Protein backbone atom coordinates (compact mmCIF):
# COMPACT_ATOMS: atom_id res chain seq x y z
CA UNK A 1 -12.48 13.87 -15.89
CA UNK A 2 -11.83 10.13 -15.51
CA UNK A 3 -14.82 7.88 -15.97
CA UNK A 4 -15.94 5.22 -13.53
CA UNK A 5 -15.22 1.82 -15.04
CA UNK A 6 -18.19 0.13 -13.41
CA UNK A 7 -21.24 0.98 -11.30
CA UNK A 8 -20.48 1.76 -7.67
CA UNK A 9 -21.62 -1.13 -5.45
CA UNK A 10 -23.46 1.03 -2.94
CA UNK A 11 -25.25 -1.87 -1.23
CA UNK A 12 -21.96 -3.79 -0.99
CA UNK A 13 -20.27 -0.80 0.61
CA UNK A 14 -22.86 -0.48 3.37
CA UNK A 15 -22.92 -4.24 3.94
CA UNK A 16 -19.16 -4.97 3.90
CA UNK A 17 -17.75 -1.55 4.78
CA UNK A 18 -15.80 -1.15 1.55
CA UNK A 19 -15.91 -1.46 -2.21
CA UNK A 20 -13.60 -1.12 -5.22
CA UNK A 21 -14.39 0.89 -8.34
CA UNK A 22 -12.38 -0.69 -11.14
CA UNK A 23 -10.45 0.95 -13.95
CA UNK A 24 -11.00 4.63 -13.14
CA UNK A 25 -7.52 5.78 -14.18
CA UNK A 26 -5.45 4.87 -17.23
CA UNK A 27 -1.89 3.48 -17.02
CA UNK A 28 -0.63 6.87 -18.17
CA UNK A 29 -2.50 8.64 -15.37
CA UNK A 30 -1.16 6.19 -12.78
CA UNK A 31 2.39 6.76 -14.08
CA UNK A 32 1.85 10.52 -13.76
CA UNK A 33 0.63 10.09 -10.17
CA UNK A 34 3.75 8.08 -9.35
CA UNK A 35 5.93 10.83 -10.82
CA UNK A 36 4.11 13.48 -8.83
CA UNK A 37 4.43 11.49 -5.61
CA UNK A 38 8.18 11.31 -6.13
CA UNK A 39 8.18 15.07 -6.73
CA UNK A 40 6.15 15.76 -3.60
CA UNK A 41 3.19 16.93 -5.62
CA UNK A 42 4.98 20.15 -6.41
CA UNK A 43 5.05 21.43 -2.81
CA UNK A 44 7.17 20.95 0.30
CA UNK A 45 4.25 20.23 2.61
CA UNK A 46 0.51 20.15 3.09
CA UNK A 47 -2.33 17.83 2.21
CA UNK A 48 -3.23 17.07 -1.42
CA UNK A 49 -5.21 20.27 -1.92
CA UNK A 50 -2.05 22.24 -1.13
CA UNK A 51 0.01 20.27 -3.68
CA UNK A 52 -0.63 21.43 -7.29
CA UNK A 53 0.68 18.20 -8.83
CA UNK A 54 -1.68 15.96 -6.83
CA UNK A 55 -4.65 18.28 -6.34
CA UNK A 56 -6.51 16.71 -9.24
CA UNK A 57 -7.07 13.55 -7.18
CA UNK A 58 -9.55 15.59 -5.17
CA UNK A 59 -10.91 17.78 -7.96
CA UNK A 60 -11.11 15.57 -11.06
CA UNK A 61 -14.57 14.42 -9.98
CA UNK A 62 -14.00 10.68 -9.59
CA UNK A 63 -13.94 10.51 -5.80
CA UNK A 64 -16.70 13.10 -5.58
CA UNK A 65 -18.97 11.06 -7.86
CA UNK A 66 -18.31 7.88 -5.86
CA UNK A 67 -19.02 9.68 -2.58
CA UNK A 68 -22.27 11.10 -3.96
CA UNK A 69 -23.46 7.66 -5.01
CA UNK A 70 -22.59 6.02 -1.68
CA UNK A 71 -23.88 8.81 0.55
CA UNK A 72 -26.90 9.76 -1.56
CA UNK A 73 -26.20 13.51 -1.40
CA UNK A 74 -24.77 15.98 -3.91
CA UNK A 75 -22.83 18.19 -1.49
CA UNK A 76 -19.56 16.48 -0.53
CA UNK A 77 -17.31 17.85 2.20
CA UNK A 78 -13.53 17.91 2.51
CA UNK A 79 -11.61 18.99 5.61
CA UNK A 80 -7.96 18.54 4.71
CA UNK A 81 -7.45 14.85 5.44
CA UNK A 82 -5.37 13.53 2.53
CA UNK A 83 -1.81 12.43 1.85
CA UNK A 84 0.42 10.22 -0.24
CA UNK A 85 2.88 7.58 0.95
CA UNK A 86 5.99 5.97 -0.52
CA UNK A 87 7.20 2.66 0.91
CA UNK A 88 5.34 3.09 4.19
CA UNK A 89 6.11 0.32 6.67
CA UNK A 90 3.44 0.63 9.37
CA UNK A 91 1.22 -2.40 10.01
CA UNK A 92 -1.41 -3.29 12.59
CA UNK A 93 -5.19 -3.36 12.87
CA UNK A 94 -6.81 -0.02 13.63
CA UNK A 95 -9.77 2.21 12.79
CA UNK A 96 -9.56 5.81 11.55
CA UNK A 97 -12.66 7.37 13.11
CA UNK A 98 -12.61 9.50 16.24
CA UNK A 99 -14.40 7.07 18.58
CA UNK A 100 -12.45 3.81 18.44
CA UNK A 101 -12.81 2.42 21.96
CA UNK A 102 -16.27 3.49 23.14
CA UNK A 103 -19.33 1.98 21.50
CA UNK A 104 -21.61 4.52 23.19
CA UNK A 105 -19.77 7.49 21.67
CA UNK A 106 -21.30 9.64 18.87
CA UNK A 107 -19.59 7.79 15.99
CA UNK A 108 -21.64 4.67 16.75
CA UNK A 109 -25.06 6.24 17.20
CA UNK A 110 -26.01 6.57 13.53
CA UNK A 111 -24.93 5.60 10.01
CA UNK A 112 -21.34 6.75 9.58
CA UNK A 113 -20.83 9.17 6.70
CA UNK A 114 -17.05 9.68 6.47
CA UNK A 115 -15.25 7.80 3.70
CA UNK A 116 -11.61 6.93 3.14
CA UNK A 117 -10.47 6.69 -0.47
CA UNK A 118 -7.31 4.92 -1.59
CA UNK A 119 -5.53 4.76 -4.93
CA UNK A 120 -2.73 2.17 -5.00
CA UNK A 121 -0.24 2.99 -7.74
CA UNK A 122 0.96 -0.57 -8.37
CA UNK A 123 -0.53 -4.06 -8.58
CA UNK A 124 -1.80 -5.81 -5.46
CA UNK A 125 -3.56 -8.74 -7.09
CA UNK A 126 -0.30 -10.69 -7.25
CA UNK A 127 2.00 -8.48 -5.21
CA UNK A 128 2.45 -7.83 -1.51
CA UNK A 129 2.24 -4.48 0.31
CA UNK A 130 -1.48 -3.75 -0.11
CA UNK A 131 -4.44 -3.19 2.19
CA UNK A 132 -5.95 -5.59 4.73
CA UNK A 133 -9.56 -5.06 5.83
CA UNK A 134 -11.82 -6.89 8.25
CA UNK A 135 -14.99 -7.38 6.25
CA UNK A 136 -18.07 -5.95 7.98
CA UNK A 137 -16.08 -4.51 10.87
CA UNK A 138 -17.40 -0.98 10.26
CA UNK A 139 -20.35 -2.07 12.40
CA UNK A 140 -18.19 -3.65 15.15
CA UNK A 141 -16.12 -1.86 17.80
CA UNK A 142 -13.74 -4.78 18.28
CA UNK A 143 -10.56 -5.00 16.21
CA UNK A 144 -10.65 -8.80 16.38
CA UNK A 145 -13.87 -9.52 14.47
CA UNK A 146 -14.49 -9.73 10.73
CA UNK A 147 -12.89 -11.79 7.95
CA UNK A 148 -9.34 -10.70 7.09
CA UNK A 149 -9.36 -9.63 3.42
CA UNK A 150 -6.31 -8.70 1.33
CA UNK A 151 -7.85 -6.21 -1.12
CA UNK A 152 -6.96 -7.05 -4.76
CA UNK A 153 -6.24 -3.57 -6.10
CA UNK A 154 -5.05 -3.10 -9.67
CA UNK A 155 -3.45 0.14 -10.89
CA UNK A 156 -6.30 2.45 -11.90
CA UNK A 157 -8.77 1.28 -9.25
CA UNK A 158 -10.21 3.49 -6.54
CA UNK A 159 -10.95 1.84 -3.22
CA UNK A 160 -13.35 3.37 -0.73
CA UNK A 161 -13.99 2.20 2.82
CA UNK A 162 -15.71 3.42 5.95
CA UNK A 163 -13.41 5.14 8.39
CA UNK A 164 -14.97 2.90 11.06
CA UNK A 165 -13.67 -0.27 9.36
CA UNK A 166 -10.78 -2.21 10.90
CA UNK A 167 -7.85 -2.15 8.50
CA UNK A 168 -4.08 -2.30 8.16
CA UNK A 169 -1.62 -1.02 5.59
CA UNK A 170 1.39 -2.80 4.11
CA UNK A 171 -0.30 -6.19 4.01
CA UNK A 172 1.48 -9.45 3.29
CA UNK A 173 0.22 -11.58 0.40
CA UNK A 174 1.21 -15.25 0.41
CA UNK A 175 1.63 -16.79 -3.04
CA UNK A 176 1.05 -20.38 -1.81
CA UNK A 177 -1.62 -21.28 -0.93
CA UNK A 178 -3.09 -18.88 -3.46
CA UNK A 179 -4.09 -15.42 -2.24
CA UNK A 180 -3.80 -16.00 1.48
CA UNK A 181 -2.70 -13.21 3.78
CA UNK A 182 -1.17 -12.94 7.24
CA UNK A 183 -2.74 -11.27 10.27
CA UNK A 184 -1.19 -7.78 10.53
CA UNK A 185 -1.11 -8.05 14.33
CA UNK A 186 0.82 -11.34 14.32
CA UNK A 187 4.39 -10.09 14.64
CA UNK A 188 5.80 -13.60 15.07
CA UNK A 189 4.58 -15.03 11.77
CA UNK A 190 7.53 -16.54 9.91
CA UNK A 191 6.72 -17.12 6.25
CA UNK A 192 9.45 -18.61 4.03
CA UNK A 193 10.45 -16.16 1.31
CA UNK A 194 9.47 -18.59 -1.45
CA UNK A 195 5.87 -18.48 -0.22
CA UNK A 196 5.65 -14.65 -0.14
CA UNK A 197 4.39 -12.68 -3.13
CA UNK A 198 6.95 -10.16 -4.42
CA UNK A 199 6.64 -6.37 -4.30
CA UNK A 200 5.68 -4.48 -7.43
CA UNK A 201 8.40 -1.84 -7.22
CA UNK A 202 8.11 1.10 -4.84
CA UNK A 203 4.84 0.96 -2.93
CA UNK A 204 2.98 4.23 -3.50
CA UNK A 205 -0.54 5.13 -2.45
CA UNK A 206 -2.75 8.21 -2.34
CA UNK A 207 -5.41 8.64 0.35
CA UNK A 208 -8.20 11.15 0.94
CA UNK A 209 -11.23 11.48 3.22
CA UNK A 210 -14.54 12.85 1.94
CA UNK A 211 -18.00 12.76 3.45
CA UNK A 212 -21.09 14.69 4.40
CA UNK A 213 -20.94 17.95 6.31
CA UNK A 214 -22.58 16.62 9.46
CA UNK A 215 -21.92 15.78 13.10
CA UNK A 216 -19.61 12.92 12.12
CA UNK A 217 -17.48 15.25 9.99
CA UNK A 218 -17.28 17.86 12.74
CA UNK A 219 -16.28 15.29 15.34
CA UNK A 220 -13.66 13.67 13.10
CA UNK A 221 -12.06 17.03 12.28
CA UNK A 222 -12.08 18.06 15.95
CA UNK A 223 -10.29 14.79 16.70
CA UNK A 224 -7.80 15.16 13.86
CA UNK A 225 -6.89 18.66 15.06
CA UNK A 226 -5.53 17.03 18.24
CA UNK A 227 -3.08 14.82 16.27
CA UNK A 228 0.47 16.07 15.77
CA UNK A 229 1.03 14.42 12.38
CA UNK A 230 -2.10 16.04 10.92
CA UNK A 231 -1.41 19.50 12.29
CA UNK A 232 2.22 19.37 11.14
CA UNK A 233 0.98 18.49 7.65
CA UNK A 234 -1.53 21.35 7.58
CA UNK A 235 0.95 23.89 8.89
CA UNK A 236 3.35 22.87 6.14
CA UNK A 237 1.00 23.84 3.34
CA UNK A 238 -1.79 26.44 3.42
CA UNK A 239 -4.39 26.52 0.65
CA UNK A 240 -4.02 29.02 -2.15
CA UNK A 241 -7.00 30.93 -3.55
CA UNK A 242 -6.51 28.96 -6.76
CA UNK A 243 -6.76 25.64 -4.91
CA UNK A 244 -9.95 26.66 -3.08
CA UNK A 245 -11.54 27.86 -6.32
CA UNK A 246 -10.63 24.62 -8.11
CA UNK A 247 -12.22 22.62 -5.29
CA UNK A 248 -15.33 24.79 -5.37
CA UNK A 249 -15.72 24.32 -9.13
CA UNK A 250 -15.37 20.57 -8.68
CA UNK A 251 -18.24 20.52 -6.21
CA UNK A 252 -16.35 20.19 -2.93
CA UNK A 253 -17.33 22.09 0.18
CA UNK A 254 -13.96 22.76 1.83
CA UNK A 255 -13.24 23.48 5.47
CA UNK A 256 -9.96 25.40 5.55
CA UNK A 257 -8.45 23.54 8.49
CA UNK A 258 -4.85 24.67 7.73
CA UNK A 259 -5.88 28.25 8.48
CA UNK A 260 -7.57 27.14 11.72
CA UNK A 261 -4.48 25.46 13.17
CA UNK A 262 -1.67 27.69 11.93
CA UNK A 263 -1.66 29.85 15.09
CA UNK A 264 -3.58 27.56 17.47
CA UNK A 265 -1.27 26.60 20.36
CA UNK A 266 -3.63 23.85 21.48
CA UNK A 267 -3.65 22.00 18.16
CA UNK A 268 -1.59 18.90 17.51
CA UNK A 269 -0.60 17.98 21.04
CA UNK A 270 -1.22 14.21 20.74
CA UNK A 271 1.36 12.07 19.01
CA UNK A 272 -0.75 8.95 19.54
CA UNK A 273 -4.47 8.26 19.44
CA UNK A 274 -6.49 9.60 22.35
CA UNK A 275 -10.30 9.86 22.46
CA UNK A 276 -11.96 13.26 22.58
CA UNK A 277 -14.79 14.02 25.04
CA UNK A 278 -18.50 13.99 24.29
């Protein structure tokens, strides 16, 4: 099991909506993750639990320990929301939770307990292509509020943020002035190439969602079952008995969502975000 390189800043997470745990994985482990991403994790489809070569991200205990510290509970829940990306190009501010446009909806009535984890498999302290977050925006419905932060991930770090936080992938880091970043929604920004930080090879990242088994988890999974991309992923890779047993031994409570959607004709009908009723 990897060891956490520093204490988890629990208070900072709840205040800012995110935190970084430094130095969890070794350079050799990061190189192995990159190799497995290129190989598809040893499977043609499915989330990380369905991919033998990347399953350890969920079951090696690091994310589980971080989630336990932040959420203050031992039982951590997983419902199939995980993936890896290679050279993804999408940008733009958004939130990941189910209720993104209605501040009276259930997601905003109590402390939100669903966490997004990210492992970036290259440097983003001096290189472009990382994560933008709006600091403190996990408590704000608007996508316009909160300081725009370019998160300084190093290989081996684990980032964790609230799924209510406003964020954007594939961020742009400006080398001069030092460590500035563009607004992901500003499509007309023209930055001279000499001012832009370079890429650090192929941009690879691994993501997973963990949380408590509560009303927020149930609502988020109900929402995700309406999304075509998620259902297509689940239908491409059911869980083996071995995978479920490995997750159980690691301390994860797993909801087998792939088995729920495989023959459900109503699942995955929305290509784009749409709110669910309450």
